[in-house]
Protein backbone atom coordinates (compact mmCIF):
# COMPACT_ATOMS: atom_id res chain seq x y z
CA UNK A 1 7.21 14.21 2.69
CA UNK A 2 5.47 10.90 2.44
CA UNK A 3 1.70 10.90 2.97
CA UNK A 4 2.24 8.41 5.79
CA UNK A 5 4.54 10.45 7.99
CA UNK A 6 5.44 13.99 8.97
CA UNK A 7 8.97 15.17 9.46
CA UNK A 8 9.89 15.73 13.09
CA UNK A 9 12.64 18.27 12.56
CA UNK A 10 10.89 21.31 11.11
CA UNK A 11 8.91 23.86 13.10
CA UNK A 12 5.26 24.63 12.36
CA UNK A 13 3.51 27.93 12.90
CA UNK A 14 -0.23 28.32 13.25
CA UNK A 15 -1.04 24.67 13.95
CA UNK A 16 -2.67 23.24 17.04
CA UNK A 17 -2.49 19.68 18.30
CA UNK A 18 -4.74 17.55 20.44
CA UNK A 19 -7.00 19.60 22.73
CA UNK A 20 -5.88 22.75 20.94
CA UNK A 21 -2.33 22.77 22.28
CA UNK A 22 0.65 23.49 20.07
CA UNK A 23 1.95 20.21 18.65
CA UNK A 24 5.53 21.42 18.53
CA UNK A 25 7.95 20.26 15.86
CA UNK A 26 5.70 19.24 12.99
CA UNK A 27 6.00 20.05 9.33
CA UNK A 28 3.07 21.71 7.60
CA UNK A 29 2.69 18.92 5.10
CA UNK A 30 -0.53 17.29 3.99
CA UNK A 31 0.18 14.53 1.48
CA UNK A 32 3.76 15.35 0.56
CA UNK A 33 6.41 12.83 -0.38
CA UNK A 34 9.70 11.76 1.12
CA UNK A 35 12.43 14.35 0.51
CA UNK A 36 15.49 12.12 0.71
CA UNK A 37 16.83 9.57 -1.72
CA UNK A 38 19.34 8.96 -4.48
CA UNK A 39 17.43 8.55 -7.74
CA UNK A 40 16.84 11.40 -10.18
CA UNK A 41 13.31 12.79 -10.18
CA UNK A 42 10.80 12.65 -12.99
CA UNK A 43 11.01 15.70 -15.23
CA UNK A 44 8.03 17.82 -16.07
CA UNK A 45 4.44 17.83 -14.89
CA UNK A 46 1.39 15.74 -15.52
CA UNK A 47 1.51 16.27 -19.29
CA UNK A 48 4.74 14.23 -19.38
CA UNK A 49 3.56 11.38 -17.18
CA UNK A 50 4.21 7.93 -18.64
CA UNK A 51 4.51 4.44 -17.26
CA UNK A 52 8.07 4.07 -18.49
CA UNK A 53 10.63 2.83 -16.02
CA UNK A 54 8.06 0.72 -14.21
CA UNK A 55 9.09 -2.50 -12.54
CA UNK A 56 7.04 -5.00 -14.56
CA UNK A 57 4.79 -3.71 -17.37
CA UNK A 58 4.11 -7.05 -19.10
CA UNK A 59 1.20 -9.46 -18.94
CA UNK A 60 1.83 -12.74 -17.11
CA UNK A 61 -0.21 -15.77 -18.07
CA UNK A 62 -0.71 -17.87 -14.99
CA UNK A 63 1.06 -21.21 -15.03
CA UNK A 64 -0.45 -22.25 -11.71
CA UNK A 65 -3.89 -23.85 -11.97
CA UNK A 66 -6.00 -21.39 -10.03
CA UNK A 67 -8.68 -18.73 -10.44
CA UNK A 68 -6.22 -16.25 -11.96
CA UNK A 69 -5.65 -16.49 -15.71
CA UNK A 70 -3.44 -13.43 -16.18
CA UNK A 71 -1.92 -10.55 -14.24
CA UNK A 72 0.16 -7.41 -14.74
CA UNK A 73 1.76 -4.94 -12.35
CA UNK A 74 3.69 -1.68 -12.36
CA UNK A 75 5.50 0.37 -9.73
CA UNK A 76 6.10 4.00 -10.67
CA UNK A 77 8.17 6.58 -8.87
CA UNK A 78 6.32 9.75 -7.96
CA UNK A 79 7.19 13.37 -8.52
CA UNK A 80 8.54 15.74 -5.87
CA UNK A 81 9.82 18.95 -7.54
CA UNK A 82 11.66 19.98 -4.36
CA UNK A 83 13.47 16.62 -4.15
CA UNK A 84 15.80 15.92 -7.09
CA UNK A 85 17.05 12.71 -5.41
CA UNK A 86 13.71 11.12 -4.71
CA UNK A 87 13.53 7.30 -4.77
CA UNK A 88 10.61 5.05 -5.52
CA UNK A 89 9.76 3.69 -2.07
CA UNK A 90 7.09 1.33 -3.39
CA UNK A 91 7.75 -2.27 -4.38
CA UNK A 92 5.75 -5.21 -5.67
CA UNK A 93 5.86 -9.00 -5.66
CA UNK A 94 4.27 -11.18 -8.34
CA UNK A 95 5.23 -14.83 -8.20
CA UNK A 96 3.82 -18.33 -8.59
CA UNK A 97 4.26 -21.65 -6.86
CA UNK A 98 3.12 -24.25 -9.36
CA UNK A 99 3.55 -27.08 -6.85
CA UNK A 100 0.65 -25.71 -4.77
CA UNK A 101 -1.21 -23.89 -7.59
CA UNK A 102 -0.61 -20.61 -5.76
CA UNK A 103 -0.08 -17.06 -7.00
CA UNK A 104 1.21 -14.30 -4.71
CA UNK A 105 0.43 -10.66 -5.58
CA UNK A 106 1.78 -8.11 -3.10
CA UNK A 107 2.41 -4.36 -2.91
CA UNK A 108 4.60 -2.49 -0.41
CA UNK A 109 4.57 1.24 0.29
CA UNK A 110 7.68 2.42 2.11
CA UNK A 111 7.78 5.65 4.08
CA UNK A 112 10.41 7.60 5.98
CA UNK A 113 14.05 8.14 5.06
CA UNK A 114 14.81 4.42 4.76
CA UNK A 115 11.36 3.25 3.67
CA UNK A 116 12.64 2.04 0.32
CA UNK A 117 15.15 -0.28 2.05
CA UNK A 118 12.42 -1.75 4.25
CA UNK A 119 10.14 -2.34 1.26
CA UNK A 120 12.96 -3.88 -0.80
CA UNK A 121 13.85 -6.27 2.05
CA UNK A 122 10.33 -7.68 1.97
CA UNK A 123 10.23 -7.68 -1.82
CA UNK A 124 13.41 -9.73 -2.06
CA UNK A 125 12.73 -12.20 0.75
CA UNK A 126 9.03 -12.64 1.47
CA UNK A 127 7.94 -15.05 -1.28
CA UNK A 128 10.86 -17.43 -0.68
CA UNK A 129 10.32 -17.32 3.09
CA UNK A 130 6.65 -18.12 2.69
CA UNK A 131 7.12 -20.92 0.17
CA UNK A 132 9.93 -22.40 2.26
CA UNK A 133 7.89 -22.32 5.48
CA UNK A 134 6.94 -25.78 6.82
CA UNK A 135 3.25 -24.77 6.96
CA UNK A 136 3.11 -23.26 3.46
CA UNK A 137 1.12 -26.16 1.98
CA UNK A 138 -1.35 -26.49 4.85
CA UNK A 139 -1.72 -23.12 6.61
CA UNK A 140 -1.22 -20.00 4.48
CA UNK A 141 -1.98 -17.65 7.35
CA UNK A 142 0.61 -19.10 9.70
CA UNK A 143 3.23 -19.34 6.95
CA UNK A 144 2.75 -15.74 5.84
CA UNK A 145 2.46 -14.26 9.35
CA UNK A 146 5.61 -15.97 10.61
CA UNK A 147 7.54 -15.13 7.44
CA UNK A 148 6.57 -11.46 7.69
CA UNK A 149 7.59 -11.34 11.37
CA UNK A 150 10.93 -13.03 10.64
CA UNK A 151 11.85 -10.53 7.93
CA UNK A 152 10.75 -7.58 10.04
CA UNK A 153 12.98 -8.71 12.93
CA UNK A 154 15.94 -9.01 10.55
CA UNK A 155 15.33 -5.56 9.05
CA UNK A 156 15.10 -3.94 12.48
CA UNK A 157 18.40 -5.58 13.48
CA UNK A 158 20.12 -4.47 10.28
CA UNK A 159 22.40 -1.57 11.22
CA UNK A 160 22.33 -0.36 7.61
CA UNK A 161 18.59 0.35 7.81
CA UNK A 162 17.36 2.89 10.36
CA UNK A 163 13.78 1.85 11.12
CA UNK A 164 13.14 4.32 13.94
CA UNK A 165 11.02 6.50 11.65
CA UNK A 166 10.92 4.32 8.52
CA UNK A 167 8.77 1.38 7.51
CA UNK A 168 6.39 -0.03 4.93
CA UNK A 169 2.83 -1.15 4.42
CA UNK A 170 2.03 -4.57 2.98
CA UNK A 171 -1.08 -5.71 1.14
CA UNK A 172 -1.11 -9.15 -0.41
CA UNK A 173 -3.51 -11.42 -2.25
CA UNK A 174 -2.65 -15.13 -2.15
CA UNK A 175 -4.73 -17.16 -4.60
CA UNK A 176 -4.64 -20.95 -4.24
CA UNK A 177 -7.09 -22.79 -6.43
CA UNK A 178 -10.29 -20.78 -6.20
CA UNK A 179 -9.60 -19.42 -2.72
CA UNK A 180 -8.22 -15.95 -2.06
CA UNK A 181 -6.47 -14.99 1.17
CA UNK A 182 -5.89 -11.32 1.83
CA UNK A 183 -3.06 -10.18 4.09
CA UNK A 184 -2.96 -6.54 5.15
CA UNK A 185 -0.75 -4.28 7.25
CA UNK A 186 -1.39 -0.57 6.77
CA UNK A 187 -3.30 1.36 4.13
CA UNK A 188 -2.55 -0.35 0.86
CA UNK A 189 -5.52 -2.42 -0.34
CA UNK A 190 -6.94 -5.40 -2.24
CA UNK A 191 -10.29 -5.13 -4.03
CA UNK A 192 -12.31 -7.58 -6.15
CA UNK A 193 -14.41 -6.70 -9.22
CA UNK A 194 -17.73 -8.58 -9.30
CA UNK A 195 -20.52 -8.77 -11.83
CA UNK A 196 -23.70 -6.91 -10.93
CA UNK A 197 -26.61 -9.33 -11.19
CA UNK A 198 -29.20 -6.55 -11.62
CA UNK A 199 -27.62 -5.46 -14.91
CA UNK A 200 -27.33 -8.94 -16.34
CA UNK A 201 -23.61 -9.05 -15.65
CA UNK A 202 -22.82 -6.07 -17.88
CA UNK A 203 -21.54 -3.90 -15.04
CA UNK A 204 -18.95 -4.62 -12.38
CA UNK A 205 -18.99 -3.48 -8.76
CA UNK A 206 -16.12 -3.22 -6.31
CA UNK A 207 -15.78 -5.32 -3.19
CA UNK A 208 -13.25 -3.97 -0.71
CA UNK A 209 -11.61 -7.23 0.26
CA UNK A 210 -9.00 -5.92 2.71
CA UNK A 211 -9.61 -2.90 4.91
CA UNK A 212 -7.19 -0.08 5.64
CA UNK A 213 -5.65 0.29 9.09
CA UNK A 214 -6.32 3.87 10.08
CA UNK A 215 -5.55 5.37 13.52
CA UNK A 216 -9.12 6.59 14.05
CA UNK A 217 -10.71 3.17 13.49
CA UNK A 218 -12.23 2.36 16.92
CA UNK A 219 -10.32 -0.85 17.69
CA UNK A 220 -7.07 0.50 16.26
CA UNK A 221 -7.41 3.72 18.24
CA UNK A 222 -8.20 1.75 21.41
CA UNK A 223 -4.96 -0.22 21.08
CA UNK A 224 -2.90 2.92 20.45
CA UNK A 225 -4.35 4.77 23.45
CA UNK A 226 -3.85 1.71 25.67
CA UNK A 227 -0.17 1.73 24.73
CA UNK A 228 0.16 5.38 25.75
CA UNK A 229 0.05 6.82 22.24
CA UNK A 230 -2.14 9.63 20.94
CA UNK A 231 -4.26 10.00 17.82
CA UNK A 232 -5.02 13.37 16.27
CA UNK A 233 -4.82 15.25 13.00
CA UNK A 234 -2.71 18.36 12.60
CA UNK A 235 -5.04 21.33 13.02
CA UNK A 236 -4.69 24.70 11.34
CA UNK A 237 -6.60 27.96 11.52
CA UNK A 238 -8.95 26.78 8.77
CA UNK A 239 -9.72 23.43 10.43
CA UNK A 240 -8.28 19.93 10.28
CA UNK A 241 -5.64 19.44 7.64
CA UNK A 242 -4.73 15.90 6.77
CA UNK A 243 -5.62 12.50 8.24
CA UNK A 244 -5.54 11.36 11.87
CA UNK A 245 -2.00 10.38 12.86
CA UNK A 246 -0.26 8.40 15.61
CA UNK A 247 1.95 10.28 18.09
CA UNK A 248 3.95 9.33 21.16
CA UNK A 249 2.34 10.25 24.45
CA UNK A 250 5.07 12.71 25.41
CA UNK A 251 6.37 13.95 22.07
CA UNK A 252 4.92 14.99 18.72
CA UNK A 253 6.52 12.23 16.66
CA UNK A 254 6.25 10.23 14.45
CA UNK A 255 2.93 11.41 12.97
CA UNK A 256 2.22 8.09 11.22
CA UNK A 257 -1.02 8.14 9.22
CA UNK A 258 -1.68 4.42 9.68
CA UNK A 259 -2.15 2.18 12.70
CA UNK A 260 -0.20 -0.85 11.43
CA UNK A 261 3.12 -0.99 9.61
CA UNK A 262 6.35 -2.96 9.30
CA UNK A 263 9.44 -1.33 10.79
CA UNK A 264 8.64 2.04 12.43
CA UNK A 265 10.13 1.04 15.77
CA UNK A 266 9.30 4.39 17.42
CA UNK A 267 5.67 4.25 16.29
CA UNK A 268 5.38 0.70 17.63
CA UNK A 269 6.07 2.00 21.15
CA UNK A 270 2.92 4.11 20.71
CA UNK A 271 0.71 1.16 19.82
CA UNK A 272 1.26 0.83 16.08
CA UNK A 273 1.14 -2.89 15.25
CA UNK A 274 2.87 -5.06 12.67
CA UNK A 275 0.37 -7.89 13.06
CA UNK A 276 -1.26 -8.78 9.72
CA UNK A 277 -5.02 -8.92 9.36
CA UNK A 278 -6.35 -11.80 7.26
CA UNK A 279 -9.34 -12.03 4.94
CA UNK A 280 -10.51 -15.20 3.18
CA UNK A 281 -13.20 -16.30 0.77
CA UNK A 282 -13.86 -18.52 -2.24
CA UNK A 283 -13.79 -16.85 -5.64
CA UNK A 284 -16.95 -17.45 -7.67
CA UNK A 285 -16.44 -18.22 -11.37
CA UNK A 286 -19.91 -16.87 -12.12
CA UNK A 287 -19.42 -13.41 -10.63
CA UNK A 288 -15.80 -12.62 -9.69
CA UNK A 289 -13.89 -11.11 -12.61
CA UNK A 290 -10.76 -9.29 -11.44
CA UNK A 291 -8.54 -8.35 -8.51
CA UNK A 292 -6.68 -5.08 -7.98
CA UNK A 293 -3.87 -4.78 -5.42
CA UNK A 294 -2.46 -1.27 -4.99
CA UNK A 295 -0.70 1.19 -2.71
CA UNK A 296 -2.37 4.41 -1.62
CA UNK A 297 -0.75 6.24 -4.50
CA UNK A 298 -3.87 4.93 -6.26
CA UNK A 299 -6.39 4.91 -3.41
CA UNK A 300 -5.75 8.47 -2.20
CA UNK A 301 -7.71 9.98 -5.09
CA UNK A 302 -9.25 7.04 -7.01
CA UNK A 303 -12.16 5.18 -5.43
CA UNK A 304 -12.73 1.44 -5.45
CA UNK A 305 -15.64 1.80 -7.87
CA UNK A 306 -13.70 4.06 -10.23
CA UNK A 307 -10.85 1.57 -10.21
CA UNK A 308 -13.05 -1.36 -11.21
CA UNK A 309 -14.75 0.72 -13.91
CA UNK A 310 -11.34 1.56 -15.41
CA UNK A 311 -10.33 -2.09 -15.38
CA UNK A 312 -13.59 -3.03 -17.10
CA UNK A 313 -13.06 -0.39 -19.79
CA UNK A 314 -9.50 -1.54 -20.55
CA UNK A 315 -8.87 -4.18 -23.23
CA UNK A 316 -6.07 -5.96 -21.31
CA UNK A 317 -4.67 -6.25 -17.80
CA UNK A 318 -1.57 -4.34 -18.94
CA UNK A 319 -3.58 -1.42 -20.28
CA UNK A 320 -5.75 -1.37 -17.15
CA UNK A 321 -2.68 -0.96 -14.97
CA UNK A 322 -1.29 1.79 -17.20
CA UNK A 323 -4.64 3.61 -17.12
CA UNK A 324 -4.91 3.41 -13.34
CA UNK A 325 -1.36 4.68 -12.75
CA UNK A 326 -1.79 7.52 -15.25
CA UNK A 327 -5.13 8.59 -13.78
CA UNK A 328 -3.83 8.45 -10.20
CA UNK A 329 -0.77 10.50 -11.15
CA UNK A 330 -2.91 13.12 -12.88
CA UNK A 331 -5.16 13.50 -9.85
CA UNK A 332 -2.19 13.83 -7.50
CA UNK A 333 -0.75 16.57 -9.68
CA UNK A 334 -4.08 18.38 -9.84
CA UNK A 335 -4.73 18.14 -6.09
CA UNK A 336 -1.26 18.44 -4.57
CA UNK A 337 1.29 19.41 -7.27
CA UNK A 338 3.28 16.36 -6.18
CA UNK A 339 2.76 12.69 -7.01
CA UNK A 340 3.02 9.76 -4.64
CA UNK A 341 4.80 6.58 -5.68
CA UNK A 342 2.11 4.36 -7.19
CA UNK A 343 2.06 0.58 -7.47
CA UNK A 344 -0.83 -1.32 -9.06
CA UNK A 345 -1.40 -4.98 -9.90
CA UNK A 346 -4.42 -6.16 -11.90
CA UNK A 347 -5.31 -9.85 -12.11
CA UNK A 348 -8.05 -11.34 -14.27
CA UNK A 349 -10.15 -14.26 -13.03
CA UNK A 350 -11.63 -17.26 -14.81
CA UNK A 351 -10.73 -16.07 -18.30
CA UNK A 352 -12.15 -12.55 -17.92
CA UNK A 353 -10.51 -10.19 -20.43
CA UNK A 354 -8.68 -13.23 -21.75
CA UNK A 355 -8.60 -11.94 -25.31
């Protein structure tokens, strides 16, 4: 299954829910991947991992006049040996609007049976909706929030896409001039690599620019409980297995491991929100060197600091992305014997790594 959700059709023995009671129809899955789809799986184990078949492995030199000088992104399907028809449910957006000197870098992490369709809907429509919004030039937050809501409404109404138990995260960095606006829904993430003054600028440190929406975060949990939902992790005889998840008040579904998402109409009745959270600041040419936008295929086992160190050690943005995907895949295989779909974008700032 997907790390974001637990199937609600299989029975589970030896697990206890909130307050020690049996949670009922849960699957004993920790960070497993979606088991439905139509694309052939990746053959072999970690020794055969490559970044072939990714969505966009090339370097892009920014045409817009802004803090970003180059960027590269990849989206790689994971590995689920028990699922020969697994799809890549991740997606990414990398686009520019030269008229406003704006670059949009966005990752989407679909989950559930139709999560890929939800992610693809946003991938294919979001940038055009935002750039066509009447407030695009003057209010990025309003333009992006209303565009996201419009696409979500259309996806939920689409009878070809069942969003009851399917949805997607969204993490986006919008860079206009030297200002970065972060937009986040769920547990994908944007981080910034900054020079460390104490080492004379030799080392970089990670700044977590957007913050994950987890069900056990106090304000997120408060909203879920107020809506009648529940938050608890699946418990086994040896303790808590897996992250806190969102459940309906009267039924042990959907088991969503995030407190905000797009789609997921059942989870939304339990207090899960699709409202984006915004983050803004000016990028400093003296200290800010790179941006990484990624789904939790990276963040599950690779820390913010490790990510920035790998970017620093890479000669180009392209090679940094390849290194991050390969390392994340290897750690998934070592820890779980499955690999989550992984999408990573690296952007360099103010000529960093320009050579």
